[in-house]
Amino acid sequence: MEVVKAITQADGMELVAAVDVLRVGEDAGVAAGIDSLGVVIAADLGQTLRSCASDVAVDFTVPDVAFGNIRTCLENGVASVVGTTGLSQEQLDEIERLTRSMDTPAFIAPNFAIGAVLMMRFAQQAAKYFEYADIIELHHEKKLDAPSGTAVKTAQMIAAAKGAAMISPNSANTKITLEGARGGVHEGIHIHSVRMPGFVASQEVTFGGLGQTLKVRHDSISRESFMPGVVMAVRRVRQLSGLTLGLERIL
C-alpha cells in the first residue's frame, strides 16, 4: 500500500482505482493507513480499467499474475509501471511485442530504489578493474524468486562493462561438502540469496583483486525507499515507447 500513499502525495497525480484480491471492498486510503480516498478496492483488473480514466497502472504483485496484468493494461491502452520480478525472457519479449502493437509503453524495473540503481552503476564501473566478484542479496522471507532480479541485473551489467564473464574461482583443491555452498553462478559471478525476517532488500557486491577487496552495498530499510523511483517512472512512462527495463534508463 506504499504505492497508494506515494501517488496520493505526489503533485499532479490522482489515484483513480485500486485492485487487490485480498482486500476487495475496502477504501484504498484506509487500507493504506491514510484518510479515506473514496476509491474502493476492486478484484477484476480488466473491468476496473474499462470503467475508469487511467493513464498508468502500477503493478507490485507476483510473477504468476504480473504478466497477465501487464497484458490487460496494454490491451486497455494503459501504460504499466512494474516492480514485479521473475518474468521470463519469453514473457518480456511478448510484452515488448504488445507495447508496439498496442502503441502503449511499459516500464519494468527489478529495483525502484534510486540508491540501489547507483549501487549497480558503481559496481559496473568497478568491474573493469577486477577479475573476481560475488553478489550477496538479502530479502524478506516472503520474496518468491531467488536470486533477485536486482542481483541478476547487476551480474549482467558487470559482465557487460568488463566485456567478458568474471573468473569463477572454483579451485580443484576446494572440497564442496554442502551443495550450493558457493551459491549460483551467473556470468562467472557467484550469487548468494538470503531469505529471512528483518530484511526488506539489501545487496552487497564484493570484488576481489591482488591484495585487496572492494565492497559496494545498498540497504532498503523500508518499502518507502522504492517510492521516489516509482513516482519518477509514473511521470515518465507515457513519454517512452515500447518496453523499458531498469530505472537507470530514466535517471
Protein backbone atom coordinates (compact mmCIF):
# COMPACT_ATOMS: atom_id res chain seq x y z
CA MET A 1 0.00 0.00 0.00
CA GLU A 2 3.04 2.28 -0.07
CA VAL A 3 2.22 2.98 -3.74
CA VAL A 4 -1.21 4.32 -2.75
CA LYS A 5 0.37 6.75 -0.29
CA ALA A 6 3.09 7.82 -2.72
CA ILE A 7 0.68 8.52 -5.58
CA THR A 8 -1.76 10.48 -3.43
CA GLN A 9 1.09 12.60 -2.03
CA ALA A 10 2.71 13.31 -5.42
CA ASP A 11 1.96 16.59 -7.15
CA GLY A 12 -0.16 16.27 -10.27
CA MET A 13 -1.19 12.66 -9.63
CA GLU A 14 -4.53 11.18 -8.66
CA LEU A 15 -5.37 7.65 -7.60
CA VAL A 16 -8.46 6.65 -9.61
CA ALA A 17 -8.62 2.90 -8.91
CA ALA A 18 -7.10 0.09 -6.86
CA VAL A 19 -7.13 -3.67 -7.38
CA ASP A 20 -6.26 -6.27 -4.74
CA VAL A 21 -7.90 -9.67 -4.50
CA LEU A 22 -7.31 -9.83 -0.73
CA ARG A 23 -8.93 -6.51 0.32
CA VAL A 24 -11.86 -6.17 -2.04
CA GLY A 25 -14.44 -3.61 -0.96
CA GLU A 26 -12.15 -1.64 1.36
CA ASP A 27 -11.32 2.01 0.82
CA ALA A 28 -7.81 2.18 -0.67
CA GLY A 29 -6.81 5.08 1.56
CA VAL A 30 -7.96 3.39 4.75
CA ALA A 31 -6.24 0.15 3.71
CA ALA A 32 -3.02 2.14 3.19
CA GLY A 33 -3.28 3.72 6.63
CA ILE A 34 -4.24 7.21 5.45
CA ASP A 35 -7.52 9.10 5.14
CA SER A 36 -10.38 7.74 3.06
CA LEU A 37 -9.91 8.41 -0.66
CA GLY A 38 -13.30 7.30 -1.89
CA VAL A 39 -11.59 4.66 -4.05
CA VAL A 40 -12.95 1.19 -3.37
CA ILE A 41 -10.57 -1.72 -3.94
CA ALA A 42 -11.82 -3.95 -6.76
CA ALA A 43 -11.00 -7.53 -7.71
CA ASP A 44 -11.13 -7.50 -11.53
CA LEU A 45 -8.36 -5.52 -13.24
CA GLY A 46 -9.82 -5.51 -16.74
CA GLN A 47 -13.25 -4.37 -15.63
CA THR A 48 -11.68 -1.70 -13.42
CA LEU A 49 -9.56 -0.29 -16.26
CA ARG A 50 -12.55 -0.16 -18.59
CA SER A 51 -14.62 1.75 -16.03
CA CYS A 52 -12.10 4.48 -15.10
CA ALA A 53 -9.93 7.01 -16.89
CA SER A 54 -6.46 5.75 -16.03
CA ASP A 55 -3.19 6.74 -17.72
CA VAL A 56 -0.79 4.49 -15.79
CA ALA A 57 -1.14 1.31 -13.73
CA VAL A 58 1.45 0.28 -11.12
CA ASP A 59 1.96 -3.44 -10.53
CA PHE A 60 3.68 -4.89 -7.47
CA THR A 61 2.23 -8.39 -7.45
CA VAL A 62 3.80 -11.82 -8.05
CA PRO A 63 5.33 -13.34 -11.22
CA ASP A 64 2.42 -15.76 -11.73
CA VAL A 65 -0.06 -12.91 -12.30
CA ALA A 66 2.10 -9.94 -13.33
CA PHE A 67 2.36 -11.00 -16.98
CA GLY A 68 -1.41 -11.25 -17.31
CA ASN A 69 -1.84 -7.91 -15.57
CA ILE A 70 0.56 -6.19 -17.96
CA ARG A 71 -1.20 -7.71 -20.95
CA THR A 72 -4.57 -6.50 -19.63
CA CYS A 73 -3.23 -2.98 -19.11
CA LEU A 74 -1.73 -2.76 -22.58
CA GLU A 75 -4.90 -4.11 -24.21
CA ASN A 76 -6.80 -1.30 -22.47
CA GLY A 77 -4.33 1.41 -23.54
CA VAL A 78 -2.95 1.88 -20.02
CA ALA A 79 0.82 2.18 -19.55
CA SER A 80 2.37 -0.16 -16.98
CA VAL A 81 4.97 0.53 -14.29
CA VAL A 82 6.01 -2.82 -12.88
CA GLY A 83 8.18 -3.76 -9.92
CA THR A 84 7.42 -7.48 -10.03
CA THR A 85 10.47 -9.60 -10.89
CA GLY A 86 10.74 -13.19 -12.10
CA LEU A 87 9.29 -12.70 -15.61
CA SER A 88 10.88 -14.99 -18.21
CA GLN A 89 12.67 -13.72 -21.31
CA GLU A 90 9.82 -15.13 -23.41
CA GLN A 91 7.33 -13.08 -21.41
CA LEU A 92 9.44 -9.95 -21.74
CA ASP A 93 9.64 -10.49 -25.50
CA GLU A 94 5.86 -10.82 -25.66
CA ILE A 95 5.40 -7.65 -23.59
CA GLU A 96 7.72 -5.80 -25.96
CA ARG A 97 5.64 -7.04 -28.92
CA LEU A 98 2.41 -5.96 -27.23
CA THR A 99 3.71 -2.47 -26.43
CA ARG A 100 4.45 -1.98 -30.12
CA SER A 101 1.20 -3.43 -31.43
CA MET A 102 -0.90 -1.55 -28.85
CA ASP A 103 1.20 1.64 -29.09
CA THR A 104 1.28 1.74 -25.29
CA PRO A 105 4.50 1.71 -23.23
CA ALA A 106 5.53 -0.49 -20.33
CA PHE A 107 8.26 0.06 -17.75
CA ILE A 108 9.72 -2.79 -15.68
CA ALA A 109 12.45 -2.39 -13.06
CA PRO A 110 13.95 -5.01 -10.74
CA ASN A 111 14.53 -2.30 -8.14
CA PHE A 112 12.98 1.17 -7.78
CA ALA A 113 15.30 2.36 -5.00
CA ILE A 114 17.49 5.08 -6.50
CA GLY A 115 20.35 4.11 -4.18
CA ALA A 116 20.18 0.52 -5.44
CA VAL A 117 20.46 1.70 -9.03
CA LEU A 118 23.51 3.78 -8.09
CA MET A 119 24.99 0.72 -6.34
CA MET A 120 24.60 -1.23 -9.58
CA ARG A 121 26.25 1.59 -11.56
CA PHE A 122 29.18 1.79 -9.12
CA ALA A 123 29.63 -1.98 -9.40
CA GLN A 124 29.60 -1.66 -13.17
CA GLN A 125 32.35 0.97 -13.01
CA ALA A 126 34.48 -1.18 -10.69
CA ALA A 127 34.12 -4.28 -12.83
CA LYS A 128 36.73 -3.11 -15.34
CA TYR A 129 39.45 -3.28 -12.67
CA PHE A 130 38.78 -6.67 -11.04
CA GLU A 131 38.68 -10.30 -12.12
CA TYR A 132 36.54 -11.74 -9.30
CA ALA A 133 33.15 -10.77 -7.88
CA ASP A 134 30.49 -12.22 -5.60
CA ILE A 135 26.98 -10.87 -5.02
CA ILE A 136 25.07 -11.39 -1.78
CA GLU A 137 21.43 -10.32 -1.90
CA LEU A 138 19.27 -10.33 1.22
CA HIS A 139 15.47 -10.12 1.22
CA HIS A 140 12.46 -10.78 3.42
CA GLU A 141 11.27 -14.36 3.76
CA LYS A 142 8.21 -13.83 1.53
CA LYS A 143 10.15 -12.92 -1.63
CA LEU A 144 9.25 -15.53 -4.22
CA ASP A 145 12.21 -15.53 -6.60
CA ALA A 146 15.87 -16.27 -5.93
CA PRO A 147 18.19 -14.82 -6.95
CA SER A 148 16.60 -11.40 -7.04
CA GLY A 149 16.10 -9.54 -10.29
CA THR A 150 18.48 -6.87 -8.98
CA ALA A 151 21.25 -9.45 -8.47
CA VAL A 152 20.84 -10.89 -11.95
CA LYS A 153 20.75 -7.43 -13.50
CA THR A 154 23.89 -6.44 -11.56
CA ALA A 155 25.75 -9.50 -12.81
CA GLN A 156 24.72 -8.69 -16.37
CA MET A 157 25.87 -5.07 -16.01
CA ILE A 158 29.23 -6.18 -14.55
CA ALA A 159 29.81 -8.62 -17.41
CA ALA A 160 28.82 -6.02 -20.00
CA ALA A 161 31.22 -3.47 -18.54
CA LYS A 162 34.04 -5.97 -18.45
CA GLY A 163 33.28 -7.37 -21.87
CA ALA A 164 33.51 -10.93 -20.53
CA ALA A 165 32.41 -13.10 -17.65
CA MET A 166 34.22 -12.81 -14.34
CA ILE A 167 36.57 -15.59 -13.26
CA SER A 168 34.79 -18.14 -11.06
CA PRO A 169 37.48 -19.20 -8.56
CA ASN A 170 36.45 -22.81 -8.02
CA SER A 171 39.81 -24.36 -7.29
CA ALA A 172 40.20 -28.07 -7.92
CA ASN A 173 41.53 -28.24 -4.38
CA THR A 174 38.28 -26.90 -2.90
CA LYS A 175 36.10 -29.66 -1.48
CA ILE A 176 32.42 -28.66 -1.57
CA THR A 177 30.83 -30.52 1.34
CA LEU A 178 27.40 -28.87 1.08
CA GLU A 179 25.74 -28.47 -2.30
CA GLY A 180 25.11 -24.83 -3.13
CA ALA A 181 27.60 -23.52 -0.56
CA ARG A 182 29.21 -21.31 -3.20
CA GLY A 183 25.84 -20.07 -4.48
CA GLY A 184 24.63 -19.98 -8.04
CA VAL A 185 26.84 -18.71 -10.87
CA HIS A 186 25.81 -16.13 -13.48
CA GLU A 187 28.34 -14.51 -15.82
CA GLY A 188 31.11 -16.06 -13.70
CA ILE A 189 29.78 -14.32 -10.57
CA HIS A 190 28.66 -16.31 -7.55
CA ILE A 191 25.27 -15.09 -6.31
CA HIS A 192 24.10 -15.90 -2.79
CA SER A 193 20.45 -15.39 -1.75
CA VAL A 194 19.46 -14.82 1.88
CA ARG A 195 15.76 -15.01 2.86
CA MET A 196 14.69 -14.22 6.41
CA PRO A 197 12.56 -11.86 8.52
CA GLY A 198 14.12 -8.49 9.27
CA PHE A 199 15.25 -7.65 5.76
CA VAL A 200 13.43 -5.60 3.15
CA ALA A 201 16.00 -5.58 0.33
CA SER A 202 19.79 -5.41 0.53
CA GLN A 203 22.61 -6.23 -1.83
CA GLU A 204 26.38 -6.31 -1.47
CA VAL A 205 28.80 -6.72 -4.36
CA THR A 206 32.33 -7.78 -3.35
CA PHE A 207 35.21 -7.50 -5.80
CA GLY A 208 38.50 -9.25 -5.19
CA GLY A 209 41.93 -8.45 -6.56
CA LEU A 210 45.58 -8.83 -5.68
CA GLY A 211 45.87 -7.89 -2.01
CA GLN A 212 42.56 -6.01 -1.88
CA THR A 213 38.78 -6.22 -1.86
CA LEU A 214 36.13 -3.64 -2.70
CA LYS A 215 32.56 -3.78 -1.38
CA VAL A 216 29.59 -1.83 -2.72
CA ARG A 217 26.39 -2.20 -0.69
CA HIS A 218 22.87 -0.81 -0.61
CA ASP A 219 20.16 -1.37 2.01
CA SER A 220 16.46 -0.61 1.77
CA ILE A 221 15.26 -0.45 5.36
CA SER A 222 11.63 0.18 4.40
CA ARG A 223 9.48 -0.06 1.29
CA GLU A 224 9.29 3.73 1.26
CA SER A 225 12.74 3.62 -0.37
CA PHE A 226 11.14 2.40 -3.60
CA MET A 227 8.54 5.13 -3.89
CA PRO A 228 10.60 8.05 -5.33
CA GLY A 229 11.61 5.75 -8.16
CA VAL A 230 8.03 4.58 -8.69
CA VAL A 231 6.76 8.16 -8.87
CA MET A 232 9.56 9.05 -11.30
CA ALA A 233 8.61 6.13 -13.53
CA VAL A 234 4.90 7.02 -13.43
CA ARG A 235 5.75 10.56 -14.53
CA ARG A 236 7.99 9.39 -17.37
CA VAL A 237 6.45 6.20 -18.75
CA ARG A 238 3.96 7.86 -21.13
CA GLN A 239 6.87 9.69 -22.77
CA LEU A 240 8.62 6.40 -23.55
CA SER A 241 7.92 3.87 -26.28
CA GLY A 242 7.97 0.09 -26.24
CA LEU A 243 9.29 -1.77 -23.21
CA THR A 244 11.84 -0.03 -20.96
CA LEU A 245 13.81 -2.14 -18.49
CA GLY A 246 15.52 -0.64 -15.45
CA LEU A 247 15.27 2.59 -13.51
CA GLU A 248 18.74 3.56 -14.71
CA ARG A 249 17.21 4.16 -18.14
CA ILE A 250 15.40 7.28 -16.87
CA LEU A 251 17.82 8.58 -14.22
